Amino acid sequence: MRIRVFVYDDYAGRRAALKALLSLSEDFIFAGEAADCSHALEDIEKFYPDVVLMDINMPGADGIEGLKVIKKEFPHIKVLMQTVFDDTDKIFECIRNGA
């Protein structure tokens, strides 16, 4: 069974790199991508990933908002948070909300 992965990241270069990396493995399918979480429910309903790779800091609807929406409606989907910032409060909030 292949794992469907959706990527949320405001940096197009990182989304492209993750897509390329995932395409190298037969175990993963790059299900889709978005620059923020403003349409998280629609994205999940359309692409139905098994795993979401989520940037914490994005303009508009950020990763913490997206995490909360996804885990509320789709608790079985695994959400992995990624960030380049050393912000323990945000990281702890992500963990408390199911990441």
PDB file of N, CA and C in Angstrom:
ATOM      1  N   MET A   1       0.833  -1.176   0.000  1.00  0.00           N
ATOM      2  CA  MET A   1       0.000   0.000   0.000  1.00  0.00           C
ATOM      3  C   MET A   1       0.887   1.252   0.000  1.00  0.00           C
ATOM      4  N   ARG A   2       0.635   2.138  -0.916  1.00  0.00           N
ATOM      5  CA  ARG A   2       1.412   3.379  -1.016  1.00  0.00           C
ATOM      6  C   ARG A   2       0.808   4.461  -0.126  1.00  0.00           C
ATOM      7  N   ILE A   3       1.654   5.279   0.448  1.00  0.00           N
ATOM      8  CA  ILE A   3       1.236   6.341   1.371  1.00  0.00           C
ATOM      9  C   ILE A   3       1.056   7.636   0.586  1.00  0.00           C
ATOM     10  N   ARG A   4      -0.148   8.201   0.682  1.00  0.00           N
ATOM     11  CA  ARG A   4      -0.474   9.458   0.002  1.00  0.00           C
ATOM     12  C   ARG A   4      -0.073  10.632   0.897  1.00  0.00           C
ATOM     13  N   VAL A   5       0.744  11.553   0.361  1.00  0.00           N
ATOM     14  CA  VAL A   5       1.290  12.669   1.139  1.00  0.00           C
ATOM     15  C   VAL A   5       0.864  13.997   0.511  1.00  0.00           C
ATOM     16  N   PHE A   6       0.319  14.877   1.350  1.00  0.00           N
ATOM     17  CA  PHE A   6      -0.037  16.237   0.933  1.00  0.00           C
ATOM     18  C   PHE A   6       0.895  17.195   1.657  1.00  0.00           C
ATOM     19  N   VAL A   7       1.373  18.239   0.966  1.00  0.00           N
ATOM     20  CA  VAL A   7       2.345  19.171   1.533  1.00  0.00           C
ATOM     21  C   VAL A   7       1.754  20.582   1.605  1.00  0.00           C
ATOM     22  N   TYR A   8       1.843  21.182   2.806  1.00  0.00           N
ATOM     23  CA  TYR A   8       1.511  22.594   2.999  1.00  0.00           C
ATOM     24  C   TYR A   8       2.793  23.337   3.316  1.00  0.00           C
ATOM     25  N   ASP A   9       3.157  24.285   2.464  1.00  0.00           N
ATOM     26  CA  ASP A   9       4.346  25.095   2.697  1.00  0.00           C
ATOM     27  C   ASP A   9       4.242  26.344   1.828  1.00  0.00           C
ATOM     28  N   ASP A  10       4.529  27.506   2.385  1.00  0.00           N
ATOM     29  CA  ASP A  10       4.430  28.735   1.606  1.00  0.00           C
ATOM     30  C   ASP A  10       5.609  28.918   0.657  1.00  0.00           C
ATOM     31  N   TYR A  11       6.661  28.141   0.821  1.00  0.00           N
ATOM     32  CA  TYR A  11       7.831  28.254  -0.042  1.00  0.00           C
ATOM     33  C   TYR A  11       7.740  27.228  -1.171  1.00  0.00           C
ATOM     34  N   ALA A  12       7.541  27.709  -2.392  1.00  0.00           N
ATOM     35  CA  ALA A  12       7.351  26.829  -3.555  1.00  0.00           C
ATOM     36  C   ALA A  12       8.554  25.912  -3.775  1.00  0.00           C
ATOM     37  N   GLY A  13       9.748  26.401  -3.492  1.00  0.00           N
ATOM     38  CA  GLY A  13      10.947  25.581  -3.669  1.00  0.00           C
ATOM     39  C   GLY A  13      10.957  24.362  -2.766  1.00  0.00           C
ATOM     40  N   ARG A  14      10.504  24.533  -1.524  1.00  0.00           N
ATOM     41  CA  ARG A  14      10.451  23.395  -0.600  1.00  0.00           C
ATOM     42  C   ARG A  14       9.369  22.400  -1.034  1.00  0.00           C
ATOM     43  N   ARG A  15       8.222  22.919  -1.501  1.00  0.00           N
ATOM     44  CA  ARG A  15       7.181  22.010  -1.998  1.00  0.00           C
ATOM     45  C   ARG A  15       7.709  21.200  -3.176  1.00  0.00           C
ATOM     46  N   ALA A  16       8.420  21.845  -4.083  1.00  0.00           N
ATOM     47  CA  ALA A  16       8.978  21.145  -5.248  1.00  0.00           C
ATOM     48  C   ALA A  16      10.017  20.108  -4.826  1.00  0.00           C
ATOM     49  N   ALA A  17      10.854  20.463  -3.849  1.00  0.00           N
ATOM     50  CA  ALA A  17      11.874  19.524  -3.372  1.00  0.00           C
ATOM     51  C   ALA A  17      11.237  18.308  -2.708  1.00  0.00           C
ATOM     52  N   LEU A  18      10.203  18.538  -1.894  1.00  0.00           N
ATOM     53  CA  LEU A  18       9.520  17.410  -1.249  1.00  0.00           C
ATOM     54  C   LEU A  18       8.819  16.530  -2.275  1.00  0.00           C
ATOM     55  N   LYS A  19       8.227  17.144  -3.282  1.00  0.00           N
ATOM     56  CA  LYS A  19       7.587  16.377  -4.354  1.00  0.00           C
ATOM     57  C   LYS A  19       8.618  15.496  -5.068  1.00  0.00           C
ATOM     58  N   ALA A  20       9.772  16.068  -5.392  1.00  0.00           N
ATOM     59  CA  ALA A  20      10.833  15.307  -6.058  1.00  0.00           C
ATOM     60  C   ALA A  20      11.337  14.176  -5.174  1.00  0.00           C
ATOM     61  N   LEU A  21      11.529  14.461  -3.904  1.00  0.00           N
ATOM     62  CA  LEU A  21      12.011  13.450  -2.965  1.00  0.00           C
ATOM     63  C   LEU A  21      11.014  12.298  -2.831  1.00  0.00           C
ATOM     64  N   LEU A  22       9.749  12.633  -2.676  1.00  0.00           N
ATOM     65  CA  LEU A  22       8.722  11.587  -2.530  1.00  0.00           C
ATOM     66  C   LEU A  22       8.591  10.747  -3.792  1.00  0.00           C
ATOM     67  N   SER A  23       8.799  11.360  -4.949  1.00  0.00           N
ATOM     68  CA  SER A  23       8.658  10.621  -6.209  1.00  0.00           C
ATOM     69  C   SER A  23       9.764   9.593  -6.405  1.00  0.00           C
ATOM     70  N   LEU A  24      10.839   9.690  -5.620  1.00  0.00           N
ATOM     71  CA  LEU A  24      11.934   8.730  -5.724  1.00  0.00           C
ATOM     72  C   LEU A  24      11.612   7.390  -5.062  1.00  0.00           C
ATOM     73  N   SER A  25      10.564   7.358  -4.263  1.00  0.00           N
ATOM     74  CA  SER A  25      10.203   6.140  -3.547  1.00  0.00           C
ATOM     75  C   SER A  25       8.903   5.566  -4.089  1.00  0.00           C
ATOM     76  N   GLU A  26       8.884   4.271  -4.252  1.00  0.00           N
ATOM     77  CA  GLU A  26       7.659   3.597  -4.694  1.00  0.00           C
ATOM     78  C   GLU A  26       6.639   3.500  -3.565  1.00  0.00           C
ATOM     79  N   ASP A  27       7.047   3.826  -2.352  1.00  0.00           N
ATOM     80  CA  ASP A  27       6.157   3.714  -1.197  1.00  0.00           C
ATOM     81  C   ASP A  27       5.275   4.947  -0.989  1.00  0.00           C
ATOM     82  N   PHE A  28       5.574   6.045  -1.704  1.00  0.00           N
ATOM     83  CA  PHE A  28       4.847   7.289  -1.497  1.00  0.00           C
ATOM     84  C   PHE A  28       4.216   7.792  -2.786  1.00  0.00           C
ATOM     85  N   ILE A  29       3.098   8.482  -2.630  1.00  0.00           N
ATOM     86  CA  ILE A  29       2.445   9.206  -3.717  1.00  0.00           C
ATOM     87  C   ILE A  29       2.331  10.656  -3.276  1.00  0.00           C
ATOM     88  N   PHE A  30       2.813  11.576  -4.087  1.00  0.00           N
ATOM     89  CA  PHE A  30       2.633  12.992  -3.808  1.00  0.00           C
ATOM     90  C   PHE A  30       1.196  13.328  -4.186  1.00  0.00           C
ATOM     91  N   ALA A  31       0.347  13.515  -3.173  1.00  0.00           N
ATOM     92  CA  ALA A  31      -1.088  13.687  -3.410  1.00  0.00           C
ATOM     93  C   ALA A  31      -1.453  15.109  -3.809  1.00  0.00           C
ATOM     94  N   GLY A  32      -0.690  16.098  -3.340  1.00  0.00           N
ATOM     95  CA  GLY A  32      -0.999  17.482  -3.665  1.00  0.00           C
ATOM     96  C   GLY A  32      -0.246  18.438  -2.780  1.00  0.00           C
ATOM     97  N   GLU A  33      -0.513  19.749  -2.995  1.00  0.00           N
ATOM     98  CA  GLU A  33       0.224  20.776  -2.272  1.00  0.00           C
ATOM     99  C   GLU A  33      -0.587  22.054  -2.199  1.00  0.00           C
ATOM    100  N   ALA A  34      -0.256  22.894  -1.213  1.00  0.00           N
ATOM    101  CA  ALA A  34      -0.858  24.212  -1.078  1.00  0.00           C
ATOM    102  C   ALA A  34       0.106  25.125  -0.334  1.00  0.00           C
ATOM    103  N   ALA A  35      -0.031  26.437  -0.592  1.00  0.00           N
ATOM    104  CA  ALA A  35       0.853  27.422   0.013  1.00  0.00           C
ATOM    105  C   ALA A  35       0.395  27.856   1.397  1.00  0.00           C
ATOM    106  N   ASP A  36      -0.841  27.536   1.774  1.00  0.00           N
ATOM    107  CA  ASP A  36      -1.333  27.798   3.127  1.00  0.00           C
ATOM    108  C   ASP A  36      -2.534  26.904   3.387  1.00  0.00           C
ATOM    109  N   CYS A  37      -3.112  27.049   4.566  1.00  0.00           N
ATOM    110  CA  CYS A  37      -4.196  26.147   4.978  1.00  0.00           C
ATOM    111  C   CYS A  37      -5.583  26.766   4.831  1.00  0.00           C
ATOM    112  N   SER A  38      -5.717  27.796   4.014  1.00  0.00           N
ATOM    113  CA  SER A  38      -6.999  28.476   3.889  1.00  0.00           C
ATOM    114  C   SER A  38      -8.102  27.581   3.327  1.00  0.00           C
ATOM    115  N   HIS A  39      -7.734  26.504   2.642  1.00  0.00           N
ATOM    116  CA  HIS A  39      -8.720  25.570   2.093  1.00  0.00           C
ATOM    117  C   HIS A  39      -8.434  24.145   2.561  1.00  0.00           C
ATOM    118  N   ALA A  40      -7.992  24.004   3.796  1.00  0.00           N
ATOM    119  CA  ALA A  40      -7.547  22.701   4.299  1.00  0.00           C
ATOM    120  C   ALA A  40      -8.619  21.630   4.174  1.00  0.00           C
ATOM    121  N   LEU A  41      -9.837  21.898   4.590  1.00  0.00           N
ATOM    122  CA  LEU A  41     -10.881  20.872   4.499  1.00  0.00           C
ATOM    123  C   LEU A  41     -11.120  20.445   3.060  1.00  0.00           C
ATOM    124  N   GLU A  42     -11.203  21.410   2.163  1.00  0.00           N
ATOM    125  CA  GLU A  42     -11.410  21.085   0.747  1.00  0.00           C
ATOM    126  C   GLU A  42     -10.236  20.288   0.190  1.00  0.00           C
ATOM    127  N   ASP A  43      -9.013  20.675   0.577  1.00  0.00           N
ATOM    128  CA  ASP A  43      -7.817  19.955   0.109  1.00  0.00           C
ATOM    129  C   ASP A  43      -7.856  18.493   0.551  1.00  0.00           C
ATOM    130  N   ILE A  44      -8.171  18.273   1.818  1.00  0.00           N
ATOM    131  CA  ILE A  44      -8.177  16.910   2.351  1.00  0.00           C
ATOM    132  C   ILE A  44      -9.287  16.095   1.711  1.00  0.00           C
ATOM    133  N   GLU A  45     -10.463  16.693   1.542  1.00  0.00           N
ATOM    134  CA  GLU A  45     -11.578  15.978   0.910  1.00  0.00           C
ATOM    135  C   GLU A  45     -11.294  15.659  -0.550  1.00  0.00           C
ATOM    136  N   LYS A  46     -10.565  16.524  -1.239  1.00  0.00           N
ATOM    137  CA  LYS A  46     -10.264  16.308  -2.657  1.00  0.00           C
ATOM    138  C   LYS A  46      -9.132  15.298  -2.864  1.00  0.00           C
ATOM    139  N   PHE A  47      -8.051  15.416  -2.062  1.00  0.00           N
ATOM    140  CA  PHE A  47      -6.858  14.594  -2.290  1.00  0.00           C
ATOM    141  C   PHE A  47      -6.725  13.423  -1.317  1.00  0.00           C
ATOM    142  N   TYR A  48      -7.458  13.442  -0.254  1.00  0.00           N
ATOM    143  CA  TYR A  48      -7.519  12.414   0.786  1.00  0.00           C
ATOM    144  C   TYR A  48      -6.168  11.750   1.084  1.00  0.00           C
ATOM    145  N   PRO A  49      -5.246  12.531   1.664  1.00  0.00           N
ATOM    146  CA  PRO A  49      -3.928  11.973   1.981  1.00  0.00           C
ATOM    147  C   PRO A  49      -3.956  11.105   3.237  1.00  0.00           C
ATOM    148  N   ASP A  50      -2.939  10.269   3.366  1.00  0.00           N
ATOM    149  CA  ASP A  50      -2.723   9.505   4.589  1.00  0.00           C
ATOM    150  C   ASP A  50      -1.885  10.315   5.573  1.00  0.00           C
ATOM    151  N   VAL A  51      -1.000  11.157   5.012  1.00  0.00           N
ATOM    152  CA  VAL A  51      -0.058  11.948   5.789  1.00  0.00           C
ATOM    153  C   VAL A  51      -0.029  13.368   5.228  1.00  0.00           C
ATOM    154  N   VAL A  52       0.070  14.348   6.128  1.00  0.00           N
ATOM    155  CA  VAL A  52       0.235  15.742   5.730  1.00  0.00           C
ATOM    156  C   VAL A  52       1.557  16.238   6.293  1.00  0.00           C
ATOM    157  N   LEU A  53       2.391  16.818   5.434  1.00  0.00           N
ATOM    158  CA  LEU A  53       3.603  17.508   5.869  1.00  0.00           C
ATOM    159  C   LEU A  53       3.237  18.983   5.935  1.00  0.00           C
ATOM    160  N   MET A  54       3.324  19.572   7.121  1.00  0.00           N
ATOM    161  CA  MET A  54       2.771  20.901   7.358  1.00  0.00           C
ATOM    162  C   MET A  54       3.820  21.860   7.894  1.00  0.00           C
ATOM    163  N   ASP A  55       4.028  22.964   7.175  1.00  0.00           N
ATOM    164  CA  ASP A  55       4.864  24.045   7.687  1.00  0.00           C
ATOM    165  C   ASP A  55       4.069  24.750   8.785  1.00  0.00           C
ATOM    166  N   ILE A  56       4.721  25.148   9.859  1.00  0.00           N
ATOM    167  CA  ILE A  56       4.020  25.843  10.941  1.00  0.00           C
ATOM    168  C   ILE A  56       3.733  27.289  10.552  1.00  0.00           C
ATOM    169  N   ASN A  57       4.738  28.003  10.071  1.00  0.00           N
ATOM    170  CA  ASN A  57       4.594  29.431   9.795  1.00  0.00           C
ATOM    171  C   ASN A  57       4.322  29.678   8.327  1.00  0.00           C
ATOM    172  N   MET A  58       3.083  30.071   8.024  1.00  0.00           N
ATOM    173  CA  MET A  58       2.687  30.438   6.666  1.00  0.00           C
ATOM    174  C   MET A  58       1.784  31.657   6.756  1.00  0.00           C
ATOM    175  N   PRO A  59       1.811  32.508   5.736  1.00  0.00           N
ATOM    176  CA  PRO A  59       0.872  33.638   5.745  1.00  0.00           C
ATOM    177  C   PRO A  59      -0.554  33.130   5.549  1.00  0.00           C
ATOM    178  N   GLY A  60      -1.503  33.948   5.893  1.00  0.00           N
ATOM    179  CA  GLY A  60      -2.894  33.501   5.790  1.00  0.00           C
ATOM    180  C   GLY A  60      -3.183  32.508   6.888  1.00  0.00           C
ATOM    181  N   ALA A  61      -3.748  31.387   6.536  1.00  0.00           N
ATOM    182  CA  ALA A  61      -4.039  30.329   7.504  1.00  0.00           C
ATOM    183  C   ALA A  61      -2.771  29.514   7.723  1.00  0.00           C
ATOM    184  N   ASP A  62      -2.217  29.581   8.941  1.00  0.00           N
ATOM    185  CA  ASP A  62      -0.946  28.915   9.213  1.00  0.00           C
ATOM    186  C   ASP A  62      -1.126  27.431   9.527  1.00  0.00           C
ATOM    187  N   GLY A  63      -0.011  26.776   9.775  1.00  0.00           N
ATOM    188  CA  GLY A  63      -0.021  25.343  10.008  1.00  0.00           C
ATOM    189  C   GLY A  63      -0.746  24.910  11.264  1.00  0.00           C
ATOM    190  N   ILE A  64      -0.723  25.726  12.296  1.00  0.00           N
ATOM    191  CA  ILE A  64      -1.421  25.355  13.531  1.00  0.00           C
ATOM    192  C   ILE A  64      -2.927  25.374  13.302  1.00  0.00           C
ATOM    193  N   GLU A  65      -3.417  26.387  12.584  1.00  0.00           N
ATOM    194  CA  GLU A  65      -4.845  26.423  12.239  1.00  0.00           C
ATOM    195  C   GLU A  65      -5.210  25.216  11.385  1.00  0.00           C
ATOM    196  N   GLY A  66      -4.381  24.934  10.384  1.00  0.00           N
ATOM    197  CA  GLY A  66      -4.632  23.792   9.509  1.00  0.00           C
ATOM    198  C   GLY A  66      -4.626  22.475  10.256  1.00  0.00           C
ATOM    199  N   LEU A  67      -3.682  22.315  11.166  1.00  0.00           N
ATOM    200  CA  LEU A  67      -3.596  21.107  11.982  1.00  0.00           C
ATOM    201  C   LEU A  67      -4.893  20.890  12.762  1.00  0.00           C
ATOM    202  N   LYS A  68      -5.373  21.942  13.406  1.00  0.00           N
ATOM    203  CA  LYS A  68      -6.602  21.831  14.207  1.00  0.00           C
ATOM    204  C   LYS A  68      -7.790  21.422  13.353  1.00  0.00           C
ATOM    205  N   VAL A  69      -7.934  22.031  12.188  1.00  0.00           N
ATOM    206  CA  VAL A  69      -9.048  21.713  11.285  1.00  0.00           C
ATOM    207  C   VAL A  69      -8.964  20.267  10.812  1.00  0.00           C
ATOM    208  N   ILE A  70      -7.775  19.869  10.387  1.00  0.00           N
ATOM    209  CA  ILE A  70      -7.606  18.514   9.849  1.00  0.00           C
ATOM    210  C   ILE A  70      -7.858  17.470  10.929  1.00  0.00           C
ATOM    211  N   LYS A  71      -7.262  17.636  12.103  1.00  0.00           N
ATOM    212  CA  LYS A  71      -7.417  16.635  13.163  1.00  0.00           C
ATOM    213  C   LYS A  71      -8.849  16.568  13.696  1.00  0.00           C
ATOM    214  N   LYS A  72      -9.580  17.691  13.662  1.00  0.00           N
ATOM    215  CA  LYS A  72     -10.973  17.688  14.115  1.00  0.00           C
ATOM    216  C   LYS A  72     -11.855  16.870  13.174  1.00  0.00           C
ATOM    217  N   GLU A  73     -11.695  17.068  11.877  1.00  0.00           N
ATOM    218  CA  GLU A  73     -12.546  16.408  10.889  1.00  0.00           C
ATOM    219  C   GLU A  73     -11.996  15.064  10.413  1.00  0.00           C
ATOM    220  N   PHE A  74     -10.687  14.909  10.456  1.00  0.00           N
ATOM    221  CA  PHE A  74     -10.035  13.690   9.948  1.00  0.00           C
ATOM    222  C   PHE A  74      -8.978  13.219  10.957  1.00  0.00           C
ATOM    223  N   PRO A  75      -9.387  12.770  12.144  1.00  0.00           N
ATOM    224  CA  PRO A  75      -8.411  12.434  13.194  1.00  0.00           C
ATOM    225  C   PRO A  75      -7.445  11.308  12.825  1.00  0.00           C
ATOM    226  N   HIS A  76      -7.797  10.500  11.839  1.00  0.00           N
ATOM    227  CA  HIS A  76      -6.935   9.379  11.448  1.00  0.00           C
ATOM    228  C   HIS A  76      -5.763   9.816  10.560  1.00  0.00           C
ATOM    229  N   ILE A  77      -5.818  11.017   9.999  1.00  0.00           N
ATOM    230  CA  ILE A  77      -4.730  11.489   9.139  1.00  0.00           C
ATOM    231  C   ILE A  77      -3.558  11.934  10.007  1.00  0.00           C
ATOM    232  N   LYS A  78      -2.388  11.459   9.676  1.00  0.00           N
ATOM    233  CA  LYS A  78      -1.169  11.824  10.402  1.00  0.00           C
ATOM    234  C   LYS A  78      -0.670  13.171   9.886  1.00  0.00           C
ATOM    235  N   VAL A  79      -0.360  14.087  10.797  1.00  0.00           N
ATOM    236  CA  VAL A  79       0.145  15.407  10.426  1.00  0.00           C
ATOM    237  C   VAL A  79       1.520  15.576  11.046  1.00  0.00           C
ATOM    238  N   LEU A  80       2.516  15.786  10.192  1.00  0.00           N
ATOM    239  CA  LEU A  80       3.894  16.008  10.623  1.00  0.00           C
ATOM    240  C   LEU A  80       4.219  17.469  10.396  1.00  0.00           C
ATOM    241  N   MET A  81       4.589  18.158  11.462  1.00  0.00           N
ATOM    242  CA  MET A  81       4.886  19.579  11.382  1.00  0.00           C
ATOM    243  C   MET A  81       6.356  19.784  11.056  1.00  0.00           C
ATOM    244  N   GLN A  82       6.625  20.843  10.276  1.00  0.00           N
ATOM    245  CA  GLN A  82       8.007  21.195   9.960  1.00  0.00           C
ATOM    246  C   GLN A  82       8.172  22.700  10.102  1.00  0.00           C
ATOM    247  N   THR A  83       9.328  23.086  10.587  1.00  0.00           N
ATOM    248  CA  THR A  83       9.623  24.500  10.752  1.00  0.00           C
ATOM    249  C   THR A  83      11.120  24.706  10.841  1.00  0.00           C
ATOM    250  N   VAL A  84      11.548  25.892  10.475  1.00  0.00           N
ATOM    251  CA  VAL A  84      12.959  26.254  10.630  1.00  0.00           C
ATOM    252  C   VAL A  84      13.146  27.118  11.869  1.00  0.00           C
ATOM    253  N   PHE A  85      12.056  27.459  12.531  1.00  0.00           N
ATOM    254  CA  PHE A  85      12.119  28.321  13.710  1.00  0.00           C
ATOM    255  C   PHE A  85      12.201  27.498  14.985  1.00  0.00           C
ATOM    256  N   ASP A  86      12.914  28.034  15.966  1.00  0.00           N
ATOM    257  CA  ASP A  86      13.046  27.387  17.264  1.00  0.00           C
ATOM    258  C   ASP A  86      12.056  28.042  18.225  1.00  0.00           C
ATOM    259  N   ASP A  87      10.782  27.678  18.073  1.00  0.00           N
ATOM    260  CA  ASP A  87       9.713  28.274  18.874  1.00  0.00           C
ATOM    261  C   ASP A  87       9.018  27.152  19.642  1.00  0.00           C
ATOM    262  N   THR A  88       9.474  26.923  20.865  1.00  0.00           N
ATOM    263  CA  THR A  88       8.957  25.795  21.638  1.00  0.00           C
ATOM    264  C   THR A  88       7.468  25.922  21.935  1.00  0.00           C
ATOM    265  N   ASP A  89       6.940  27.130  22.078  1.00  0.00           N
ATOM    266  CA  ASP A  89       5.509  27.301  22.337  1.00  0.00           C
ATOM    267  C   ASP A  89       4.677  26.782  21.159  1.00  0.00           C
ATOM    268  N   LYS A  90       5.077  27.144  19.952  1.00  0.00           N
ATOM    269  CA  LYS A  90       4.339  26.681  18.767  1.00  0.00           C
ATOM    270  C   LYS A  90       4.487  25.178  18.589  1.00  0.00           C
ATOM    271  N   ILE A  91       5.675  24.667  18.821  1.00  0.00           N
ATOM    272  CA  ILE A  91       5.905  23.226  18.683  1.00  0.00           C
ATOM    273  C   ILE A  91       5.046  22.463  19.707  1.00  0.00           C
ATOM    274  N   PHE A  92       5.020  22.937  20.938  1.00  0.00           N
ATOM    275  CA  PHE A  92       4.206  22.293  21.967  1.00  0.00           C
ATOM    276  C   PHE A  92       2.725  22.379  21.632  1.00  0.00           C
ATOM    277  N   GLU A  93       2.278  23.500  21.080  1.00  0.00           N
ATOM    278  CA  GLU A  93       0.875  23.628  20.668  1.00  0.00           C
ATOM    279  C   GLU A  93       0.523  22.614  19.592  1.00  0.00           C
ATOM    280  N   CYS A  94       1.433  22.378  18.676  1.00  0.00           N
ATOM    281  CA  CYS A  94       1.223  21.377  17.614  1.00  0.00           C
ATOM    282  C   CYS A  94       1.072  19.985  18.221  1.00  0.00           C
ATOM    283  N   ILE A  95       1.933  19.657  19.139  1.00  0.00           N
ATOM    284  CA  ILE A  95       1.870  18.342  19.790  1.00  0.00           C
ATOM    285  C   ILE A  95       0.557  18.184  20.550  1.00  0.00           C
ATOM    286  N   ARG A  96       0.142  19.236  21.264  1.00  0.00           N
ATOM    287  CA  ARG A  96      -1.132  19.190  22.004  1.00  0.00           C
ATOM    288  C   ARG A  96      -2.342  19.007  21.082  1.00  0.00           C
ATOM    289  N   ASN A  97      -2.192  19.421  19.834  1.00  0.00           N
ATOM    290  CA  ASN A  97      -3.305  19.332  18.890  1.00  0.00           C
ATOM    291  C   ASN A  97      -3.202  18.139  17.939  1.00  0.00           C
ATOM    292  N   GLY A  98      -2.344  17.196  18.253  1.00  0.00           N
ATOM    293  CA  GLY A  98      -2.348  15.933  17.524  1.00  0.00           C
ATOM    294  C   GLY A  98      -1.277  15.711  16.514  1.00  0.00           C
ATOM    295  N   ALA A  99      -0.330  16.625  16.396  1.00  0.00           N
ATOM    296  CA  ALA A  99       0.773  16.401  15.425  1.00  0.00           C
ATOM    297  C   ALA A  99       1.734  15.380  15.995  1.00  0.00           C
TER     298      ALA A  99
END
